[in-house]
Amino acid sequence: MKNDEYNDEYRDDSLAQDEDLWGTPPTPPEESPRRHRARRRKQRRPAQWPNALLSVLIGVLVGVILCRAGQYATYRSLMVQSGDAYGDDFDYDSGDVESNDEASQEYSLPLYAGDSSGLTITLNDPGETELSAAELYEQELPATVSITVYAGSSAAYGSGMILTEDGYILTCAHVVEDSERATVTTSDGASYEATLVGSDAQTDLAVLKIEAKGLTAVEFADSEQLTIGETVYAIGDPLGPQFRSSLTDGIISGLNRQISSNGYAMTLIQTTAAVNSGNSGCPLFNSRGQVVGVVNMKMSSSSATASIDNMGLAVPSATVKEIVEALATEGSVSRAVLGISCYAVSSVTAQVYGIPEGLWVATIDSASDCAAQGLQVDDIITRVNGEDVSTVTDFQTVTADLEVGDTVTLTIWREPETETDEADGSASSEVEDDGYHYEYYGEITVALIDSNSLAD
């Protein structure tokens, strides 16, 4: 969550995270969960029936991605949003807004020119000595930073943490995206220009580099060892510099939360520690002063009649280790993908709308083999390599060991084409007016491509 200097409150259309299994993210249904970005990407609006379909079960969050080490490095663009998943009143607020008159422009940070391949993260066992809130704050404050990003005449704010004494900084990808300059301010007030080592929108993580020595770095603990009810703390900048280095506390209230936001599916930690606009990128500490997550968004409400409190979310440290080390080595995360985006069609939705259960195709990247082999928008994929699929997890289970260049066979159902009545030229179809009826089309064999080669 970064905070714009022109707005005390705003929404971020950015956050892990699922990109394309698919491809360029589709426009999320109105008021669906989303992250907030400094500048939104151009997106294609899905057909009308998914939007109606999204209203069927209001407020139910459906799991869309398997939380398992190693999976994040496998699928960029497996961005399935469930048609039954989202209530109309729920948003995921990371606090980023569009930058006023700069919104249509694209910016990028200067890249770090040094060798960062040696950057690693160690996940330690939880320490034995618990700290009081005051002790933890005094000990860990020097390892936290404030981040200001600039794009044209606009500025916005976020938080971060120090990874190494020589100036590697961890924050959220949505904090620094579409920015042309970034400064990092340490707890002692020193300010440094930052360059970008790498960024991964799917997991909402980014690594910066500043030229500094002797900094205090955070220590990480393994998020896989977290338990519900465990005390946690966050140190960051809610609403920006005015409330710099604020300490909040809470508990772990949920693990492996399956969240889709802005077309990215990710698995997150849920906490009651208060987080707000500007907190994105701040560390979530356990009671021993070890980082167990990176705060990246919160659940909020767009309804005047509903209120949502104490539902913050954070990227688990197990994900952080994997992604940060990949960014340090390559600058990006390569994943084997189909190059499409889609919505999950559950059994309930299938019955209500008269369509097959599976994965409804929303967008197809022009560089994908899916486009070359004739897959179409609005197709529904019911099987992959002969196995039934209706969620991202299903797809991952079937394709867990596949790499770029490997092929998969997709079983496709397609909406029948309308026929023109020769007498009056009007369109006619066997599809009944009161439902959507698809026909079995056949099988298409497609190759997985490198996520970094996507065109759209």
Protein backbone atom coordinates (compact mmCIF):
# COMPACT_ATOMS: atom_id res chain seq x y z
CA MET A 1 0.00 0.00 0.00
CA LYS A 2 1.59 3.23 -0.99
CA ASN A 3 0.17 6.61 -0.23
CA ASP A 4 -0.19 9.40 -2.78
CA GLU A 5 0.69 12.92 -1.67
CA TYR A 6 -2.42 14.26 -3.35
CA ASN A 7 -4.75 11.84 -1.60
CA ASP A 8 -5.03 10.89 2.03
CA GLU A 9 -7.13 7.87 1.12
CA TYR A 10 -7.21 5.86 -2.05
CA ARG A 11 -7.32 2.41 -3.52
CA ASP A 12 -4.47 0.41 -5.04
CA ASP A 13 -5.22 -1.55 -8.16
CA SER A 14 -2.07 -3.55 -7.95
CA LEU A 15 -0.71 -7.15 -5.43
CA ALA A 16 0.87 -12.09 -5.43
CA GLN A 17 0.26 -12.31 -7.45
CA ASP A 18 -2.69 -14.82 -10.68
CA GLU A 19 -0.94 -13.47 -13.69
CA ASP A 20 -1.29 -15.27 -16.95
CA LEU A 21 -1.69 -19.23 -16.94
CA TRP A 22 -2.88 -17.64 -18.67
CA GLY A 23 -1.80 -14.10 -19.79
CA THR A 24 -2.68 -10.46 -19.64
CA PRO A 25 -5.02 -9.89 -16.68
CA PRO A 26 -8.65 -9.23 -17.57
CA THR A 27 -10.56 -6.33 -16.09
CA PRO A 28 -11.81 -7.58 -12.70
CA PRO A 29 -15.59 -7.60 -12.25
CA GLU A 30 -16.95 -4.40 -10.72
CA GLU A 31 -16.02 -4.04 -7.04
CA SER A 32 -14.20 -7.37 -7.04
CA PRO A 33 -11.11 -7.79 -4.84
CA ARG A 34 -8.26 -5.75 -6.25
CA ARG A 35 -4.93 -4.25 -5.45
CA HIS A 36 -4.30 -0.59 -6.02
CA ARG A 37 -1.62 0.59 -8.38
CA ALA A 38 -0.13 3.93 -9.16
CA ARG A 39 -1.24 3.44 -12.77
CA ARG A 40 -3.60 0.75 -13.95
CA ARG A 41 -2.89 -1.49 -16.87
CA LYS A 42 -5.19 -1.50 -19.83
CA GLN A 43 -7.41 -4.53 -19.49
CA ARG A 44 -10.06 -6.28 -21.54
CA ARG A 45 -13.50 -6.47 -19.97
CA PRO A 46 -14.86 -10.02 -19.92
CA ALA A 47 -18.18 -10.97 -21.45
CA GLN A 48 -21.27 -9.87 -19.57
CA TRP A 49 -22.22 -13.26 -18.15
CA PRO A 50 -19.22 -13.56 -15.82
CA ASN A 51 -20.18 -10.25 -14.22
CA ALA A 52 -23.69 -11.50 -13.58
CA LEU A 53 -22.26 -14.79 -12.44
CA LEU A 54 -20.07 -13.05 -9.86
CA SER A 55 -23.15 -11.86 -7.98
CA VAL A 56 -24.40 -15.38 -7.25
CA LEU A 57 -22.62 -15.90 -3.95
CA ILE A 58 -21.84 -12.55 -2.37
CA GLY A 59 -18.96 -12.39 0.11
CA VAL A 60 -17.55 -15.91 -0.44
CA LEU A 61 -13.82 -16.02 -1.11
CA VAL A 62 -12.79 -19.06 -3.12
CA GLY A 63 -9.24 -20.47 -3.06
CA VAL A 64 -7.53 -20.02 -6.40
CA ILE A 65 -3.93 -21.00 -5.96
CA LEU A 66 -2.05 -23.73 -4.11
CA CYS A 67 0.29 -22.53 -1.37
CA ARG A 68 3.35 -24.64 -1.82
CA ALA A 69 7.02 -23.75 -2.06
CA GLY A 70 8.17 -23.88 -5.63
CA GLN A 71 4.80 -23.32 -7.24
CA TYR A 72 5.27 -19.57 -7.59
CA ALA A 73 8.30 -20.13 -9.79
CA THR A 74 6.27 -22.36 -12.09
CA TYR A 75 3.25 -20.38 -13.23
CA ARG A 76 3.22 -16.76 -14.15
CA SER A 77 -0.20 -15.90 -15.53
CA LEU A 78 -2.23 -18.63 -13.88
CA MET A 79 -4.67 -15.90 -13.03
CA VAL A 80 -7.95 -17.62 -12.47
CA GLN A 81 -10.60 -15.61 -10.70
CA SER A 82 -13.56 -17.62 -9.56
CA GLY A 83 -16.96 -16.73 -10.90
CA ASP A 84 -18.46 -17.50 -7.52
CA ALA A 85 -15.77 -15.89 -5.48
CA TYR A 86 -16.46 -12.27 -4.94
CA GLY A 87 -19.00 -10.25 -3.08
CA ASP A 88 -19.86 -6.87 -4.51
CA ASP A 89 -18.83 -5.06 -1.34
CA PHE A 90 -15.29 -6.42 -0.92
CA ASP A 91 -12.07 -4.75 -2.03
CA TYR A 92 -8.42 -5.37 -1.29
CA ASP A 93 -6.93 -2.01 -0.47
CA SER A 94 -3.22 -1.44 -0.82
CA GLY A 95 -3.58 2.29 -0.83
CA ASP A 96 -2.28 3.18 -4.28
CA VAL A 97 -4.06 5.61 -6.53
CA GLU A 98 -3.70 6.79 -10.05
CA SER A 99 -1.36 9.74 -10.32
CA ASN A 100 -3.79 12.37 -11.51
CA ASP A 101 -2.67 13.79 -14.88
CA GLU A 102 0.22 11.31 -15.11
CA ALA A 103 -2.06 8.24 -15.03
CA SER A 104 -1.87 7.41 -18.75
CA GLN A 105 1.93 7.55 -18.91
CA GLU A 106 4.26 4.65 -18.28
CA TYR A 107 7.38 4.92 -16.16
CA SER A 108 10.08 2.57 -14.96
CA LEU A 109 12.81 2.81 -12.37
CA PRO A 110 16.47 2.75 -13.42
CA LEU A 111 17.88 -0.75 -13.14
CA TYR A 112 20.66 -1.74 -10.77
CA ALA A 113 23.84 -2.29 -12.77
CA GLY A 114 25.74 -4.35 -10.20
CA ASP A 115 25.85 -8.10 -9.58
CA SER A 116 23.16 -9.11 -7.09
CA SER A 117 23.34 -12.86 -7.69
CA GLY A 118 24.76 -13.49 -4.21
CA LEU A 119 21.67 -12.16 -2.44
CA THR A 120 20.02 -14.91 -0.41
CA ILE A 121 17.49 -15.13 2.41
CA THR A 122 17.77 -17.57 5.29
CA LEU A 123 14.56 -18.77 6.93
CA ASN A 124 15.37 -19.44 10.56
CA ASP A 125 13.45 -21.36 13.18
CA PRO A 126 11.47 -19.05 15.48
CA GLY A 127 13.64 -17.65 18.23
CA GLU A 128 13.09 -18.71 21.81
CA THR A 129 13.08 -15.29 23.46
CA GLU A 130 9.89 -13.31 23.02
CA LEU A 131 10.12 -9.53 23.03
CA SER A 132 7.73 -7.00 24.41
CA ALA A 133 6.26 -4.57 21.91
CA ALA A 134 8.61 -1.83 23.14
CA GLU A 135 11.65 -4.09 22.92
CA LEU A 136 10.76 -5.27 19.44
CA TYR A 137 10.21 -1.73 18.20
CA GLU A 138 13.54 -0.50 19.55
CA GLN A 139 15.37 -3.50 18.09
CA GLU A 140 13.74 -3.63 14.65
CA LEU A 141 13.02 0.01 13.82
CA PRO A 142 16.53 0.53 12.31
CA ALA A 143 15.83 -2.30 9.83
CA THR A 144 12.69 -0.61 8.43
CA VAL A 145 12.59 2.09 5.75
CA SER A 146 10.22 4.58 4.16
CA ILE A 147 9.94 4.67 0.37
CA THR A 148 8.90 7.58 -1.82
CA VAL A 149 8.35 7.10 -5.54
CA TYR A 150 7.96 9.74 -8.23
CA ALA A 151 6.27 9.75 -11.63
CA GLY A 152 6.19 13.05 -13.44
CA SER A 153 4.84 15.61 -10.98
CA SER A 154 3.31 12.99 -8.69
CA ALA A 155 4.73 11.29 -5.61
CA ALA A 156 3.51 8.32 -3.59
CA TYR A 157 4.65 6.48 -0.48
CA GLY A 158 5.24 2.97 0.76
CA SER A 159 7.27 1.01 3.29
CA GLY A 160 10.08 -1.50 3.18
CA MET A 161 12.80 -3.36 5.05
CA ILE A 162 16.57 -3.74 4.82
CA LEU A 163 17.75 -7.13 3.57
CA THR A 164 21.52 -6.59 3.83
CA GLU A 165 23.91 -4.17 5.48
CA ASP A 166 25.07 -2.97 2.05
CA GLY A 167 21.68 -1.71 0.94
CA TYR A 168 19.36 -4.30 -0.59
CA ILE A 169 15.78 -3.25 0.20
CA LEU A 170 12.59 -5.31 0.03
CA THR A 171 9.19 -3.79 -0.68
CA CYS A 172 6.05 -4.51 -2.68
CA ALA A 173 6.02 -4.50 -6.47
CA HIS A 174 2.95 -2.26 -6.58
CA VAL A 175 4.77 0.37 -4.50
CA VAL A 176 7.45 0.93 -7.14
CA GLU A 177 5.71 0.05 -10.39
CA ASP A 178 5.16 2.76 -12.99
CA SER A 179 7.63 5.05 -11.20
CA GLU A 180 10.63 6.86 -12.65
CA ARG A 181 12.49 7.56 -9.41
CA ALA A 182 12.53 6.15 -5.88
CA THR A 183 14.13 7.28 -2.65
CA VAL A 184 14.63 5.20 0.48
CA THR A 185 14.71 6.89 3.88
CA THR A 186 16.16 4.99 6.83
CA SER A 187 14.97 5.36 10.40
CA ASP A 188 17.77 7.83 11.19
CA GLY A 189 16.51 10.20 8.49
CA ALA A 190 19.19 9.48 5.86
CA SER A 191 17.83 9.42 2.29
CA TYR A 192 19.20 7.43 -0.66
CA GLU A 193 18.37 7.16 -4.35
CA ALA A 194 17.28 3.62 -5.22
CA THR A 195 17.62 1.48 -8.32
CA LEU A 196 15.54 -1.58 -9.18
CA VAL A 197 17.06 -5.04 -8.89
CA GLY A 198 13.87 -6.80 -9.92
CA SER A 199 10.11 -6.92 -9.47
CA ASP A 200 7.44 -9.63 -9.65
CA ALA A 201 3.84 -8.46 -9.94
CA GLN A 202 2.37 -11.92 -9.37
CA THR A 203 3.73 -12.17 -5.84
CA ASP A 204 3.83 -8.38 -5.34
CA LEU A 205 7.49 -8.30 -4.34
CA ALA A 206 10.31 -6.02 -5.46
CA VAL A 207 13.97 -5.60 -4.54
CA LEU A 208 15.71 -2.21 -4.60
CA LYS A 209 19.37 -1.28 -4.11
CA ILE A 210 20.78 1.80 -2.41
CA GLU A 211 24.44 2.70 -2.04
CA ALA A 212 24.97 2.41 1.70
CA LYS A 213 27.06 0.50 4.22
CA GLY A 214 26.59 -0.63 7.79
CA LEU A 215 22.81 -0.82 7.71
CA THR A 216 20.80 -2.97 10.12
CA ALA A 217 19.13 -5.88 8.32
CA VAL A 218 16.06 -7.88 9.27
CA GLU A 219 16.12 -11.57 10.16
CA PHE A 220 13.57 -13.94 8.66
CA ALA A 221 11.69 -16.85 10.19
CA ASP A 222 9.96 -19.62 8.27
CA SER A 223 6.31 -18.73 7.70
CA GLU A 224 5.52 -22.43 7.38
CA GLN A 225 5.92 -22.64 11.16
CA LEU A 226 3.34 -19.96 11.96
CA THR A 227 0.31 -20.88 14.03
CA ILE A 228 -3.13 -19.29 14.30
CA GLY A 229 -3.29 -16.96 17.26
CA GLU A 230 0.43 -16.16 17.28
CA THR A 231 1.27 -12.53 18.10
CA VAL A 232 2.68 -10.41 15.27
CA TYR A 233 3.75 -6.79 14.79
CA ALA A 234 4.02 -4.43 11.81
CA ILE A 235 6.26 -1.37 11.50
CA GLY A 236 5.49 0.92 8.57
CA ASP A 237 4.13 4.22 7.32
CA PRO A 238 0.32 4.20 7.32
CA LEU A 239 -0.93 7.17 5.26
CA GLY A 240 2.65 8.18 4.49
CA PRO A 241 5.32 10.31 6.20
CA GLN A 242 2.96 11.95 8.67
CA PHE A 243 2.70 8.63 10.54
CA ARG A 244 6.12 7.26 9.69
CA SER A 245 7.39 4.22 11.61
CA SER A 246 4.09 3.33 13.25
CA LEU A 247 3.95 0.14 15.28
CA THR A 248 0.80 -1.99 15.28
CA ASP A 249 0.17 -5.41 16.73
CA GLY A 250 -2.25 -8.28 16.31
CA ILE A 251 -2.36 -12.01 15.80
CA ILE A 252 -2.18 -14.44 12.93
CA SER A 253 -5.85 -14.91 12.14
CA GLY A 254 -5.51 -17.03 9.00
CA LEU A 255 -2.97 -18.96 6.96
CA ASN A 256 -2.93 -19.92 3.29
CA ARG A 257 -5.64 -17.41 2.42
CA GLN A 258 -6.38 -17.76 -1.30
CA ILE A 259 -6.78 -14.24 -2.68
CA SER A 260 -7.27 -12.97 -6.23
CA SER A 261 -6.60 -9.30 -6.75
CA ASN A 262 -6.19 -7.38 -9.98
CA GLY A 263 -5.87 -10.61 -11.91
CA TYR A 264 -3.19 -12.18 -9.72
CA ALA A 265 -3.93 -15.16 -7.52
CA MET A 266 -1.80 -15.51 -4.42
CA THR A 267 -1.65 -17.26 -1.08
CA LEU A 268 -1.32 -14.88 1.86
CA ILE A 269 -1.17 -14.61 5.64
CA GLN A 270 -4.14 -12.93 7.33
CA THR A 271 -3.50 -10.78 10.40
CA THR A 272 -5.41 -8.49 12.73
CA ALA A 273 -2.45 -6.08 12.95
CA ALA A 274 -3.70 -2.73 11.65
CA VAL A 275 -2.40 -1.89 8.19
CA ASN A 276 -3.43 1.01 5.98
CA SER A 277 -2.46 2.97 2.90
CA GLY A 278 1.31 3.40 2.95
CA ASN A 279 2.00 0.17 4.88
CA SER A 280 2.66 -1.89 1.74
CA GLY A 281 6.12 -3.41 1.89
CA CYS A 282 6.46 -3.17 5.65
CA PRO A 283 7.64 -6.22 7.63
CA LEU A 284 5.30 -8.41 9.63
CA PHE A 285 7.32 -9.61 12.63
CA ASN A 286 6.75 -12.52 14.96
CA SER A 287 7.14 -11.88 18.68
CA ARG A 288 10.87 -12.73 18.42
CA GLY A 289 11.55 -9.87 16.03
CA GLN A 290 11.82 -12.08 12.92
CA VAL A 291 10.07 -11.27 9.64
CA VAL A 292 7.37 -13.79 8.74
CA GLY A 293 5.67 -11.80 5.99
CA VAL A 294 5.57 -8.66 3.84
CA VAL A 295 2.38 -6.62 4.29
CA ASN A 296 0.80 -5.89 0.93
CA MET A 297 -2.92 -5.25 1.30
CA LYS A 298 -6.03 -5.29 3.47
CA MET A 299 -9.67 -6.13 3.04
CA SER A 300 -11.91 -3.09 2.89
CA SER A 301 -15.49 -2.36 1.91
CA SER A 302 -16.89 -0.26 -0.88
CA SER A 303 -20.34 -0.32 0.70
CA ALA A 304 -21.63 2.49 2.90
CA THR A 305 -23.53 -0.05 4.98
CA ALA A 306 -20.69 -2.50 5.65
CA SER A 307 -17.50 -2.19 7.64
CA ILE A 308 -14.45 -4.47 7.54
CA ASP A 309 -11.81 -4.17 10.24
CA ASN A 310 -8.60 -5.92 11.22
CA MET A 311 -8.17 -7.96 8.06
CA GLY A 312 -4.63 -7.29 6.87
CA LEU A 313 -2.76 -9.56 4.46
CA ALA A 314 0.91 -10.34 3.95
CA VAL A 315 3.12 -12.34 1.57
CA PRO A 316 4.59 -15.32 3.51
CA SER A 317 8.36 -15.38 4.10
CA ALA A 318 8.58 -18.77 2.33
CA THR A 319 7.39 -17.05 -0.85
CA VAL A 320 9.67 -14.07 -0.18
CA LYS A 321 12.79 -16.25 -0.11
CA GLU A 322 11.99 -17.94 -3.40
CA ILE A 323 11.07 -14.80 -5.29
CA VAL A 324 13.79 -12.51 -3.91
CA GLU A 325 16.53 -14.98 -4.79
CA ALA A 326 15.10 -15.36 -8.31
CA LEU A 327 14.94 -11.58 -8.74
CA ALA A 328 18.49 -11.19 -7.49
CA THR A 329 19.76 -13.72 -10.01
CA GLU A 330 17.64 -12.96 -13.07
CA GLY A 331 15.84 -9.68 -12.36
CA SER A 332 12.51 -11.38 -13.04
CA VAL A 333 10.72 -14.67 -12.39
CA SER A 334 10.34 -17.05 -15.32
CA ARG A 335 7.32 -19.34 -15.32
CA ALA A 336 5.94 -21.88 -17.77
CA VAL A 337 2.49 -20.61 -18.77
CA LEU A 338 -0.28 -21.10 -21.27
CA GLY A 339 -0.60 -17.36 -21.84
CA ILE A 340 -4.29 -16.95 -21.10
CA SER A 341 -6.43 -15.52 -18.32
CA CYS A 342 -9.65 -17.13 -17.18
CA TYR A 343 -12.41 -17.44 -14.62
CA ALA A 344 -13.19 -20.61 -12.71
CA VAL A 345 -16.67 -22.02 -13.29
CA SER A 346 -17.78 -24.02 -10.26
CA SER A 347 -20.37 -26.78 -10.27
CA VAL A 348 -22.94 -24.38 -8.77
CA THR A 349 -22.29 -21.76 -11.44
CA ALA A 350 -22.37 -24.40 -14.16
CA GLN A 351 -25.84 -25.50 -13.05
CA VAL A 352 -27.19 -21.98 -12.70
CA TYR A 353 -25.98 -20.79 -16.10
CA GLY A 354 -26.19 -23.98 -18.11
CA ILE A 355 -22.49 -24.12 -18.90
CA PRO A 356 -19.84 -26.77 -18.28
CA GLU A 357 -17.72 -26.73 -15.15
CA GLY A 358 -14.15 -25.69 -15.92
CA LEU A 359 -12.03 -22.64 -16.72
CA TRP A 360 -13.68 -19.90 -18.81
CA VAL A 361 -11.16 -18.14 -21.07
CA ALA A 362 -11.20 -14.35 -20.67
CA THR A 363 -8.07 -13.27 -22.59
CA ILE A 364 -5.46 -14.92 -24.80
CA ASP A 365 -1.96 -13.49 -25.22
CA SER A 366 -1.09 -13.01 -28.88
CA ALA A 367 2.36 -14.55 -28.35
CA SER A 368 0.95 -17.76 -26.85
CA ASP A 369 0.65 -21.11 -28.57
CA CYS A 370 -2.99 -21.06 -27.44
CA ALA A 371 -3.58 -18.21 -29.88
CA ALA A 372 -1.71 -20.04 -32.64
CA GLN A 373 -3.69 -23.24 -32.13
CA GLY A 374 -7.09 -21.59 -32.26
CA LEU A 375 -8.22 -21.30 -28.66
CA GLN A 376 -10.84 -18.57 -28.41
CA VAL A 377 -12.03 -16.12 -25.79
CA ASP A 378 -15.20 -17.47 -24.09
CA ASP A 379 -14.10 -21.09 -24.58
CA ILE A 380 -14.32 -23.26 -21.48
CA ILE A 381 -11.48 -25.66 -20.68
CA THR A 382 -12.87 -28.69 -18.88
CA ARG A 383 -9.83 -30.99 -18.91
CA VAL A 384 -6.05 -30.73 -19.11
CA ASN A 385 -4.27 -33.89 -20.23
CA GLY A 386 -7.46 -35.81 -19.58
CA GLU A 387 -7.83 -34.59 -15.98
CA ASP A 388 -10.83 -32.51 -14.91
CA VAL A 389 -9.96 -28.89 -14.01
CA SER A 390 -12.14 -26.19 -12.50
CA THR A 391 -9.61 -24.27 -10.36
CA VAL A 392 -6.03 -23.09 -10.61
CA THR A 393 -5.04 -25.73 -8.10
CA ASP A 394 -6.42 -28.40 -10.41
CA PHE A 395 -4.29 -27.06 -13.24
CA GLN A 396 -1.19 -26.92 -11.05
CA THR A 397 -1.67 -30.48 -9.92
CA VAL A 398 -1.81 -31.72 -13.50
CA THR A 399 1.11 -29.63 -14.78
CA ALA A 400 3.37 -29.41 -11.71
CA ASP A 401 6.38 -31.03 -13.41
CA LEU A 402 6.09 -29.35 -16.82
CA GLU A 403 8.55 -26.81 -18.21
CA VAL A 404 8.65 -24.23 -21.01
CA GLY A 405 8.18 -26.05 -24.31
CA ASP A 406 6.24 -28.97 -22.87
CA THR A 407 2.76 -29.50 -24.29
CA VAL A 408 -0.65 -30.01 -22.73
CA THR A 409 -3.90 -31.17 -24.29
CA LEU A 410 -6.90 -28.99 -23.50
CA THR A 411 -10.46 -30.29 -23.75
CA ILE A 412 -12.57 -27.41 -25.07
CA TRP A 413 -16.27 -26.57 -24.95
CA ARG A 414 -17.40 -23.68 -27.13
CA GLU A 415 -20.54 -21.60 -27.43
CA PRO A 416 -22.27 -22.60 -30.70
CA GLU A 417 -22.20 -20.06 -33.45
CA THR A 418 -25.42 -18.28 -34.33
CA GLU A 419 -26.96 -18.83 -37.74
CA THR A 420 -28.57 -16.17 -39.91
CA ASP A 421 -32.16 -16.70 -40.97
CA GLU A 422 -32.06 -16.37 -44.75
CA ALA A 423 -35.61 -15.01 -44.89
CA ASP A 424 -35.18 -11.90 -42.74
CA GLY A 425 -31.44 -11.82 -42.02
CA SER A 426 -31.97 -12.08 -38.29
CA ALA A 427 -29.66 -14.15 -36.09
CA SER A 428 -30.98 -17.41 -34.81
CA SER A 429 -29.45 -20.07 -32.65
CA GLU A 430 -30.25 -23.28 -30.88
CA VAL A 431 -29.14 -21.58 -27.65
CA GLU A 432 -32.14 -20.88 -25.48
CA ASP A 433 -32.70 -17.34 -24.28
CA ASP A 434 -32.81 -18.32 -20.61
CA GLY A 435 -29.31 -19.78 -20.32
CA TYR A 436 -25.86 -20.32 -21.77
CA HIS A 437 -25.39 -23.64 -23.53
CA TYR A 438 -22.02 -24.81 -24.77
CA GLU A 439 -21.13 -27.67 -27.07
CA TYR A 440 -18.15 -30.00 -26.98
CA TYR A 441 -15.62 -28.61 -29.46
CA GLY A 442 -12.70 -31.00 -29.23
CA GLU A 443 -9.12 -31.12 -27.99
CA ILE A 444 -6.30 -28.66 -28.64
CA THR A 445 -2.64 -29.43 -27.92
CA VAL A 446 -0.62 -26.35 -26.96
CA ALA A 447 2.91 -25.65 -25.76
CA LEU A 448 3.73 -23.81 -22.54
CA ILE A 449 5.72 -20.62 -23.10
CA ASP A 450 8.07 -18.52 -20.97
CA SER A 451 6.11 -15.93 -19.01
CA ASN A 452 8.71 -13.32 -19.93
CA SER A 453 7.88 -13.75 -23.62
CA LEU A 454 4.24 -12.70 -23.32
CA ALA A 455 3.38 -9.97 -25.76
CA ASP A 456 0.27 -8.33 -24.30
